[in-house]
Amino acid sequence: MKKRTQRTYTYDEKESLLKRMLPPENFSLTQLSNETGISKSTLSSWKTKAREISSGALNKQRNGKDVSAREKFIIVMETYTMTEIQLSEYCRTKGIFVEQVKQWRETCINANEFEPQSTKELRIKIQEEQKKTKTLEKEILRKDKALAETAALLVLRKKLEAIWGDSEEE
């Protein structure tokens, strides 16, 4: 009896076949099976697993809210020079939407163009508060000096009275 050996396929081989089975190409399983000699059931299981992984990635995360600002920036940098087809393929593998990447790209581009009004208002308020603080610190220093001078005068007065005696007694 002949022992049947299973052929193992590399990641790249599976990936290239999956690209042909999934949109936009959508080759039929029969067509790919005849062309490659791989059974339809094997191709079908690969396709099912690939769909589960991609839908799991979409459902599990990446509805745009779970992506950190750092990740968004990295994604924008990685995809900036990609064509639409490459971008859609990249988004499929990452489990994000092309529209999100485009929106993040615009946000990155416009990040330094203008300063939000609330930030300007906060900066003005901070400057005003800093001026008030400086003025109050100067006032406190002035009053501290006056208080120290008054205290020194009182001490001198008491010493004089102790030395010369009370002026009211005479």
N, C-alpha and C. Protein backbone atom coordinates (compact mmCIF):
# COMPACT_ATOMS: atom_id res chain seq x y z
N MET A 1 0.83 -1.17 0.00
CA MET A 1 0.00 0.00 0.00
C MET A 1 0.88 1.24 0.00
N LYS A 2 0.54 2.22 -0.80
CA LYS A 2 1.31 3.43 -0.95
C LYS A 2 0.91 4.42 0.14
N LYS A 3 1.91 4.96 0.82
CA LYS A 3 1.64 5.93 1.87
C LYS A 3 1.48 7.31 1.23
N ARG A 4 0.41 7.98 1.59
CA ARG A 4 0.11 9.29 1.02
C ARG A 4 0.78 10.37 1.86
N THR A 5 1.55 11.24 1.23
CA THR A 5 2.21 12.32 1.95
C THR A 5 1.49 13.63 1.67
N GLN A 6 1.41 14.41 2.71
CA GLN A 6 0.76 15.72 2.54
C GLN A 6 1.82 16.73 2.16
N ARG A 7 1.50 17.49 1.17
CA ARG A 7 2.41 18.54 0.76
C ARG A 7 2.14 19.76 1.62
N THR A 8 3.17 20.39 2.11
CA THR A 8 2.99 21.63 2.87
C THR A 8 3.26 22.81 1.95
N TYR A 9 2.48 23.82 2.14
CA TYR A 9 2.58 25.01 1.30
C TYR A 9 3.15 26.15 2.12
N THR A 10 3.97 26.94 1.50
CA THR A 10 4.57 28.09 2.20
C THR A 10 3.52 29.17 2.38
N TYR A 11 3.82 30.06 3.26
CA TYR A 11 2.93 31.18 3.52
C TYR A 11 2.70 32.01 2.25
N ASP A 12 3.76 32.23 1.51
CA ASP A 12 3.65 33.02 0.27
C ASP A 12 2.76 32.34 -0.76
N GLU A 13 2.86 31.01 -0.86
CA GLU A 13 2.01 30.28 -1.81
C GLU A 13 0.54 30.42 -1.41
N LYS A 14 0.27 30.21 -0.14
CA LYS A 14 -1.12 30.34 0.34
C LYS A 14 -1.62 31.76 0.12
N GLU A 15 -0.78 32.73 0.45
CA GLU A 15 -1.17 34.13 0.32
C GLU A 15 -1.51 34.49 -1.13
N SER A 16 -0.68 34.04 -2.06
CA SER A 16 -0.95 34.36 -3.47
C SER A 16 -2.24 33.69 -3.95
N LEU A 17 -2.49 32.47 -3.50
CA LEU A 17 -3.73 31.80 -3.88
C LEU A 17 -4.95 32.47 -3.23
N LEU A 18 -4.79 32.89 -1.98
CA LEU A 18 -5.89 33.59 -1.31
C LEU A 18 -6.22 34.90 -2.01
N LYS A 19 -5.21 35.60 -2.46
CA LYS A 19 -5.44 36.85 -3.18
C LYS A 19 -6.27 36.60 -4.43
N ARG A 20 -6.05 35.47 -5.06
CA ARG A 20 -6.80 35.15 -6.27
C ARG A 20 -8.22 34.70 -5.94
N MET A 21 -8.41 34.06 -4.76
CA MET A 21 -9.75 33.58 -4.38
C MET A 21 -10.64 34.69 -3.84
N LEU A 22 -10.04 35.66 -3.16
CA LEU A 22 -10.81 36.72 -2.52
C LEU A 22 -10.96 37.92 -3.45
N PRO A 23 -11.90 38.80 -3.15
CA PRO A 23 -12.06 40.00 -3.97
C PRO A 23 -10.77 40.78 -4.03
N PRO A 24 -10.48 41.44 -5.09
CA PRO A 24 -11.30 41.74 -6.25
C PRO A 24 -11.24 40.69 -7.35
N GLU A 25 -10.30 39.74 -7.29
CA GLU A 25 -10.15 38.77 -8.38
C GLU A 25 -11.24 37.71 -8.39
N ASN A 26 -11.57 37.13 -7.24
CA ASN A 26 -12.67 36.16 -7.09
C ASN A 26 -12.61 34.97 -8.06
N PHE A 27 -11.46 34.34 -8.19
CA PHE A 27 -11.39 33.13 -9.00
C PHE A 27 -12.20 32.03 -8.32
N SER A 28 -12.79 31.14 -9.11
CA SER A 28 -13.56 30.04 -8.52
C SER A 28 -12.61 28.98 -7.99
N LEU A 29 -13.09 28.24 -7.01
CA LEU A 29 -12.28 27.19 -6.40
C LEU A 29 -11.95 26.10 -7.42
N THR A 30 -12.91 25.77 -8.26
CA THR A 30 -12.71 24.74 -9.27
C THR A 30 -11.60 25.16 -10.23
N GLN A 31 -11.65 26.40 -10.66
CA GLN A 31 -10.66 26.91 -11.59
C GLN A 31 -9.26 26.86 -10.98
N LEU A 32 -9.13 27.31 -9.74
CA LEU A 32 -7.82 27.28 -9.06
C LEU A 32 -7.36 25.85 -8.79
N SER A 33 -8.30 24.99 -8.44
CA SER A 33 -7.97 23.59 -8.17
C SER A 33 -7.40 22.92 -9.41
N ASN A 34 -8.05 23.13 -10.54
CA ASN A 34 -7.57 22.56 -11.80
C ASN A 34 -6.22 23.13 -12.19
N GLU A 35 -6.05 24.40 -11.96
CA GLU A 35 -4.81 25.08 -12.35
C GLU A 35 -3.63 24.66 -11.48
N THR A 36 -3.85 24.51 -10.17
CA THR A 36 -2.74 24.27 -9.24
C THR A 36 -2.60 22.82 -8.81
N GLY A 37 -3.66 22.04 -8.94
CA GLY A 37 -3.62 20.66 -8.49
C GLY A 37 -3.91 20.50 -7.00
N ILE A 38 -4.31 21.57 -6.36
CA ILE A 38 -4.68 21.53 -4.94
C ILE A 38 -6.17 21.24 -4.86
N SER A 39 -6.56 20.38 -3.95
CA SER A 39 -7.97 19.99 -3.88
C SER A 39 -8.85 21.17 -3.52
N LYS A 40 -10.11 21.10 -3.99
CA LYS A 40 -11.06 22.18 -3.71
C LYS A 40 -11.31 22.31 -2.22
N SER A 41 -11.33 21.19 -1.51
CA SER A 41 -11.60 21.26 -0.06
C SER A 41 -10.47 22.01 0.67
N THR A 42 -9.24 21.80 0.25
CA THR A 42 -8.12 22.51 0.86
C THR A 42 -8.23 24.00 0.58
N LEU A 43 -8.50 24.34 -0.67
CA LEU A 43 -8.66 25.75 -1.03
C LEU A 43 -9.82 26.38 -0.27
N SER A 44 -10.89 25.63 -0.15
CA SER A 44 -12.06 26.13 0.55
C SER A 44 -11.76 26.38 2.03
N SER A 45 -11.03 25.47 2.66
CA SER A 45 -10.70 25.67 4.07
C SER A 45 -9.77 26.87 4.25
N TRP A 46 -8.82 27.06 3.33
CA TRP A 46 -7.97 28.23 3.41
C TRP A 46 -8.78 29.51 3.29
N LYS A 47 -9.72 29.50 2.35
CA LYS A 47 -10.54 30.68 2.13
C LYS A 47 -11.40 30.98 3.35
N THR A 48 -11.98 29.95 3.94
CA THR A 48 -12.81 30.12 5.13
C THR A 48 -11.99 30.68 6.28
N LYS A 49 -10.81 30.12 6.50
CA LYS A 49 -9.94 30.60 7.57
C LYS A 49 -9.54 32.05 7.35
N ALA A 50 -9.23 32.39 6.11
CA ALA A 50 -8.82 33.77 5.79
C ALA A 50 -9.97 34.74 6.07
N ARG A 51 -11.18 34.35 5.71
CA ARG A 51 -12.35 35.20 5.97
C ARG A 51 -12.60 35.34 7.47
N GLU A 52 -12.44 34.25 8.21
CA GLU A 52 -12.64 34.30 9.66
C GLU A 52 -11.63 35.24 10.31
N ILE A 53 -10.39 35.13 9.86
CA ILE A 53 -9.34 35.97 10.42
C ILE A 53 -9.61 37.44 10.11
N SER A 54 -9.94 37.73 8.85
CA SER A 54 -10.17 39.13 8.48
C SER A 54 -11.43 39.68 9.13
N SER A 55 -12.49 38.89 9.22
CA SER A 55 -13.70 39.40 9.88
C SER A 55 -13.49 39.48 11.37
N GLY A 56 -12.70 38.57 11.93
CA GLY A 56 -12.37 38.63 13.35
C GLY A 56 -11.58 39.88 13.67
N ALA A 57 -10.67 40.22 12.78
CA ALA A 57 -9.86 41.42 13.00
C ALA A 57 -10.75 42.66 12.92
N LEU A 58 -11.69 42.66 12.00
CA LEU A 58 -12.58 43.81 11.88
C LEU A 58 -13.50 43.91 13.09
N ASN A 59 -14.03 42.78 13.53
CA ASN A 59 -14.97 42.81 14.64
C ASN A 59 -14.27 42.99 15.97
N LYS A 60 -13.11 42.37 16.11
CA LYS A 60 -12.40 42.40 17.37
C LYS A 60 -11.88 43.80 17.68
N GLN A 61 -11.36 44.48 16.71
CA GLN A 61 -10.82 45.81 16.91
C GLN A 61 -10.88 46.57 15.60
N ARG A 62 -10.30 47.73 15.62
CA ARG A 62 -10.10 48.54 14.42
C ARG A 62 -11.37 49.10 13.81
N ASN A 63 -12.31 49.46 14.65
CA ASN A 63 -13.40 50.24 14.09
C ASN A 63 -13.00 51.70 14.16
N GLY A 64 -11.69 51.93 14.35
CA GLY A 64 -11.15 53.28 14.36
C GLY A 64 -11.02 53.84 15.76
N LYS A 65 -11.77 53.32 16.70
CA LYS A 65 -11.75 53.84 18.05
C LYS A 65 -10.66 53.19 18.89
N ASP A 66 -10.29 51.97 18.57
CA ASP A 66 -9.30 51.23 19.34
C ASP A 66 -7.88 51.49 18.87
N VAL A 67 -7.72 52.31 17.86
CA VAL A 67 -6.40 52.57 17.30
C VAL A 67 -5.83 53.81 17.99
N SER A 68 -4.64 53.66 18.55
CA SER A 68 -4.01 54.78 19.25
C SER A 68 -3.52 55.82 18.23
N ALA A 69 -3.25 57.00 18.72
CA ALA A 69 -2.76 58.07 17.84
C ALA A 69 -1.43 57.68 17.21
N ARG A 70 -0.60 57.00 17.97
CA ARG A 70 0.70 56.55 17.46
C ARG A 70 0.50 55.55 16.32
N GLU A 71 -0.42 54.60 16.52
CA GLU A 71 -0.69 53.60 15.47
C GLU A 71 -1.25 54.27 14.22
N LYS A 72 -2.15 55.24 14.42
CA LYS A 72 -2.72 55.95 13.27
C LYS A 72 -1.62 56.63 12.47
N PHE A 73 -0.70 57.28 13.18
CA PHE A 73 0.38 57.98 12.50
C PHE A 73 1.26 56.99 11.72
N ILE A 74 1.56 55.86 12.35
CA ILE A 74 2.38 54.85 11.68
C ILE A 74 1.67 54.31 10.44
N ILE A 75 0.37 54.07 10.56
CA ILE A 75 -0.41 53.59 9.42
C ILE A 75 -0.39 54.61 8.29
N VAL A 76 -0.55 55.88 8.64
CA VAL A 76 -0.51 56.93 7.62
C VAL A 76 0.85 56.96 6.94
N MET A 77 1.91 56.83 7.71
CA MET A 77 3.25 56.84 7.14
C MET A 77 3.47 55.63 6.22
N GLU A 78 2.99 54.46 6.65
CA GLU A 78 3.17 53.25 5.84
C GLU A 78 2.37 53.30 4.55
N THR A 79 1.22 53.93 4.57
CA THR A 79 0.32 53.88 3.42
C THR A 79 0.40 55.11 2.52
N TYR A 80 1.20 56.09 2.88
CA TYR A 80 1.19 57.36 2.16
C TYR A 80 1.49 57.21 0.67
N THR A 81 2.41 56.36 0.31
CA THR A 81 2.79 56.23 -1.09
C THR A 81 2.07 55.11 -1.83
N MET A 82 1.15 54.44 -1.16
CA MET A 82 0.45 53.30 -1.77
C MET A 82 -0.61 53.75 -2.76
N THR A 83 -0.84 52.90 -3.75
CA THR A 83 -1.94 53.13 -4.68
C THR A 83 -3.23 52.71 -3.99
N GLU A 84 -4.36 53.01 -4.62
CA GLU A 84 -5.66 52.65 -4.04
C GLU A 84 -5.78 51.15 -3.82
N ILE A 85 -5.31 50.37 -4.77
CA ILE A 85 -5.41 48.91 -4.66
C ILE A 85 -4.53 48.42 -3.52
N GLN A 86 -3.31 48.93 -3.45
CA GLN A 86 -2.41 48.53 -2.37
C GLN A 86 -2.97 48.96 -1.01
N LEU A 87 -3.56 50.15 -0.99
CA LEU A 87 -4.14 50.66 0.25
C LEU A 87 -5.30 49.79 0.72
N SER A 88 -6.18 49.42 -0.21
CA SER A 88 -7.32 48.59 0.18
C SER A 88 -6.85 47.21 0.64
N GLU A 89 -5.83 46.69 0.01
CA GLU A 89 -5.27 45.39 0.43
C GLU A 89 -4.66 45.50 1.82
N TYR A 90 -3.92 46.57 2.05
CA TYR A 90 -3.30 46.82 3.35
C TYR A 90 -4.38 46.93 4.44
N CYS A 91 -5.41 47.69 4.13
CA CYS A 91 -6.50 47.87 5.09
C CYS A 91 -7.19 46.55 5.40
N ARG A 92 -7.36 45.73 4.40
CA ARG A 92 -7.98 44.42 4.61
C ARG A 92 -7.15 43.58 5.58
N THR A 93 -5.83 43.60 5.40
CA THR A 93 -4.98 42.79 6.28
C THR A 93 -4.96 43.35 7.70
N LYS A 94 -5.05 44.68 7.85
CA LYS A 94 -5.01 45.31 9.16
C LYS A 94 -6.38 45.35 9.83
N GLY A 95 -7.44 45.14 9.05
CA GLY A 95 -8.78 45.18 9.61
C GLY A 95 -9.29 46.59 9.85
N ILE A 96 -8.90 47.50 8.97
CA ILE A 96 -9.37 48.89 9.07
C ILE A 96 -9.97 49.28 7.74
N PHE A 97 -10.61 50.44 7.70
CA PHE A 97 -11.27 50.89 6.48
C PHE A 97 -10.43 51.95 5.78
N VAL A 98 -10.50 51.95 4.47
CA VAL A 98 -9.75 52.90 3.65
C VAL A 98 -10.14 54.33 4.02
N GLU A 99 -11.43 54.56 4.24
CA GLU A 99 -11.91 55.90 4.58
C GLU A 99 -11.27 56.40 5.87
N GLN A 100 -11.08 55.49 6.83
CA GLN A 100 -10.44 55.87 8.08
C GLN A 100 -9.00 56.32 7.83
N VAL A 101 -8.29 55.57 7.03
CA VAL A 101 -6.89 55.92 6.75
C VAL A 101 -6.83 57.27 6.05
N LYS A 102 -7.73 57.50 5.12
CA LYS A 102 -7.75 58.78 4.42
C LYS A 102 -8.06 59.93 5.38
N GLN A 103 -8.98 59.69 6.30
CA GLN A 103 -9.32 60.71 7.29
C GLN A 103 -8.12 60.98 8.21
N TRP A 104 -7.43 59.92 8.64
CA TRP A 104 -6.26 60.08 9.50
C TRP A 104 -5.16 60.83 8.76
N ARG A 105 -5.03 60.55 7.45
CA ARG A 105 -4.02 61.22 6.64
C ARG A 105 -4.31 62.72 6.60
N GLU A 106 -5.57 63.09 6.38
CA GLU A 106 -5.95 64.50 6.34
C GLU A 106 -5.69 65.17 7.68
N THR A 107 -6.00 64.46 8.74
CA THR A 107 -5.76 65.00 10.08
C THR A 107 -4.28 65.25 10.29
N CYS A 108 -3.44 64.32 9.86
CA CYS A 108 -1.99 64.49 9.99
C CYS A 108 -1.50 65.68 9.17
N ILE A 109 -2.01 65.81 7.97
CA ILE A 109 -1.59 66.90 7.09
C ILE A 109 -2.01 68.24 7.68
N ASN A 110 -3.22 68.31 8.21
CA ASN A 110 -3.76 69.56 8.73
C ASN A 110 -3.37 69.83 10.18
N ALA A 111 -2.62 68.95 10.78
CA ALA A 111 -2.33 69.07 12.21
C ALA A 111 -1.63 70.38 12.56
N ASN A 112 -0.74 70.84 11.73
CA ASN A 112 0.03 72.04 12.05
C ASN A 112 -0.45 73.28 11.30
N GLU A 113 -1.50 73.17 10.55
CA GLU A 113 -1.96 74.30 9.77
C GLU A 113 -2.66 75.37 10.61
N PHE A 114 -3.41 74.95 11.59
CA PHE A 114 -4.14 75.92 12.40
C PHE A 114 -4.17 75.45 13.83
N GLU A 115 -4.41 76.42 14.70
CA GLU A 115 -4.48 76.12 16.11
C GLU A 115 -5.95 76.21 16.51
N PRO A 116 -6.48 75.19 17.12
CA PRO A 116 -7.89 75.24 17.51
C PRO A 116 -8.16 76.44 18.42
N GLN A 117 -9.35 76.98 18.32
CA GLN A 117 -9.73 78.17 19.06
C GLN A 117 -9.58 77.97 20.56
N SER A 118 -9.96 76.79 21.03
CA SER A 118 -9.89 76.55 22.47
C SER A 118 -8.44 76.59 22.97
N THR A 119 -7.52 76.15 22.15
CA THR A 119 -6.11 76.19 22.53
C THR A 119 -5.63 77.63 22.60
N LYS A 120 -6.05 78.45 21.65
CA LYS A 120 -5.67 79.86 21.68
C LYS A 120 -6.23 80.54 22.93
N GLU A 121 -7.49 80.25 23.23
CA GLU A 121 -8.12 80.83 24.42
C GLU A 121 -7.39 80.41 25.68
N LEU A 122 -7.03 79.15 25.75
CA LEU A 122 -6.31 78.65 26.92
C LEU A 122 -4.95 79.34 27.06
N ARG A 123 -4.28 79.51 25.95
CA ARG A 123 -2.97 80.17 25.99
C ARG A 123 -3.10 81.61 26.47
N ILE A 124 -4.13 82.31 26.02
CA ILE A 124 -4.36 83.70 26.45
C ILE A 124 -4.67 83.73 27.95
N LYS A 125 -5.52 82.82 28.42
CA LYS A 125 -5.85 82.77 29.85
C LYS A 125 -4.62 82.47 30.69
N ILE A 126 -3.78 81.56 30.21
CA ILE A 126 -2.56 81.22 30.95
C ILE A 126 -1.65 82.44 31.05
N GLN A 127 -1.52 83.20 29.96
CA GLN A 127 -0.68 84.40 29.98
C GLN A 127 -1.24 85.43 30.96
N GLU A 128 -2.57 85.59 30.96
CA GLU A 128 -3.19 86.53 31.90
C GLU A 128 -2.95 86.10 33.34
N GLU A 129 -3.10 84.81 33.59
CA GLU A 129 -2.88 84.29 34.94
C GLU A 129 -1.42 84.46 35.36
N GLN A 130 -0.50 84.28 34.43
CA GLN A 130 0.91 84.47 34.75
C GLN A 130 1.19 85.93 35.10
N LYS A 131 0.56 86.88 34.39
CA LYS A 131 0.72 88.30 34.70
C LYS A 131 0.16 88.61 36.09
N LYS A 132 -1.03 88.06 36.39
CA LYS A 132 -1.62 88.27 37.71
C LYS A 132 -0.73 87.71 38.81
N THR A 133 -0.19 86.53 38.57
CA THR A 133 0.69 85.90 39.55
C THR A 133 1.92 86.75 39.79
N LYS A 134 2.50 87.28 38.74
CA LYS A 134 3.69 88.12 38.86
C LYS A 134 3.37 89.38 39.66
N THR A 135 2.24 90.00 39.35
CA THR A 135 1.82 91.20 40.05
C THR A 135 1.60 90.90 41.54
N LEU A 136 0.91 89.80 41.82
CA LEU A 136 0.65 89.44 43.21
C LEU A 136 1.93 89.12 43.97
N GLU A 137 2.87 88.46 43.31
CA GLU A 137 4.16 88.17 43.95
C GLU A 137 4.91 89.45 44.29
N LYS A 138 4.88 90.43 43.38
CA LYS A 138 5.52 91.73 43.65
C LYS A 138 4.85 92.42 44.83
N GLU A 139 3.53 92.37 44.87
CA GLU A 139 2.77 92.97 45.97
C GLU A 139 3.10 92.30 47.30
N ILE A 140 3.21 90.98 47.28
CA ILE A 140 3.55 90.24 48.50
C ILE A 140 4.95 90.63 48.97
N LEU A 141 5.90 90.73 48.04
CA LEU A 141 7.26 91.15 48.41
C LEU A 141 7.27 92.55 49.01
N ARG A 142 6.52 93.46 48.42
CA ARG A 142 6.45 94.84 48.93
C ARG A 142 5.88 94.86 50.34
N LYS A 143 4.80 94.09 50.53
CA LYS A 143 4.17 94.05 51.85
C LYS A 143 5.06 93.35 52.88
N ASP A 144 5.78 92.32 52.44
CA ASP A 144 6.72 91.65 53.34
C ASP A 144 7.81 92.62 53.81
N LYS A 145 8.32 93.42 52.89
CA LYS A 145 9.35 94.40 53.24
C LYS A 145 8.78 95.43 54.21
N ALA A 146 7.57 95.91 53.94
CA ALA A 146 6.94 96.89 54.83
C ALA A 146 6.70 96.30 56.21
N LEU A 147 6.26 95.06 56.25
CA LEU A 147 6.02 94.39 57.53
C LEU A 147 7.33 94.20 58.29
N ALA A 148 8.39 93.82 57.59
CA ALA A 148 9.69 93.66 58.25
C ALA A 148 10.19 94.99 58.79
N GLU A 149 9.99 96.06 58.02
CA GLU A 149 10.40 97.39 58.47
C GLU A 149 9.62 97.81 59.71
N THR A 150 8.32 97.56 59.70
CA THR A 150 7.46 97.89 60.84
C THR A 150 7.89 97.09 62.07
N ALA A 151 8.14 95.82 61.88
CA ALA A 151 8.58 94.98 62.99
C ALA A 151 9.91 95.48 63.55
N ALA A 152 10.84 95.88 62.68
CA ALA A 152 12.13 96.41 63.12
C ALA A 152 11.94 97.70 63.91
N LEU A 153 11.06 98.57 63.45
CA LEU A 153 10.78 99.83 64.16
C LEU A 153 10.19 99.56 65.54
N LEU A 154 9.29 98.60 65.63
CA LEU A 154 8.70 98.25 66.92
C LEU A 154 9.74 97.72 67.89
N VAL A 155 10.61 96.88 67.40
CA VAL A 155 11.68 96.33 68.24
C VAL A 155 12.59 97.46 68.73
N LEU A 156 12.96 98.37 67.83
CA LEU A 156 13.80 99.50 68.22
C LEU A 156 13.10 100.38 69.25
N ARG A 157 11.82 100.59 69.04
CA ARG A 157 11.05 101.43 69.97
C ARG A 157 11.05 100.81 71.37
N LYS A 158 10.84 99.50 71.42
CA LYS A 158 10.83 98.82 72.72
C LYS A 158 12.20 98.89 73.36
N LYS A 159 13.26 98.74 72.59
CA LYS A 159 14.60 98.83 73.14
C LYS A 159 14.88 100.23 73.67
N LEU A 160 14.46 101.24 72.90
CA LEU A 160 14.65 102.62 73.34
C LEU A 160 13.90 102.88 74.64
N GLU A 161 12.69 102.39 74.69
CA GLU A 161 11.90 102.57 75.92
C GLU A 161 12.54 101.85 77.09
N ALA A 162 13.11 100.67 76.80
CA ALA A 162 13.77 99.94 77.87
C ALA A 162 15.01 100.67 78.35
N ILE A 163 15.74 101.31 77.44
CA ILE A 163 16.97 102.01 77.79
C ILE A 163 16.63 103.36 78.46
N TRP A 164 15.80 104.16 77.86
CA TRP A 164 15.53 105.53 78.29
C TRP A 164 14.36 105.60 79.27
N GLY A 165 13.61 104.57 79.29
CA GLY A 165 12.43 104.58 80.15
C GLY A 165 11.26 105.14 79.40
N ASP A 166 10.11 105.05 80.02
CA ASP A 166 8.88 105.47 79.35
C ASP A 166 8.82 106.99 79.31
N SER A 167 8.56 107.56 78.20
CA SER A 167 8.50 109.02 78.03
C SER A 167 7.28 109.60 78.71
N GLU A 168 6.28 108.88 78.96
CA GLU A 168 5.07 109.36 79.59
C GLU A 168 5.26 109.55 81.10
N GLU A 169 6.20 108.84 81.69
CA GLU A 169 6.46 108.94 83.11
C GLU A 169 6.99 110.30 83.50
N GLU A 170 7.67 111.00 82.66
CA GLU A 170 8.27 112.28 82.97
C GLU A 170 7.31 113.35 82.86
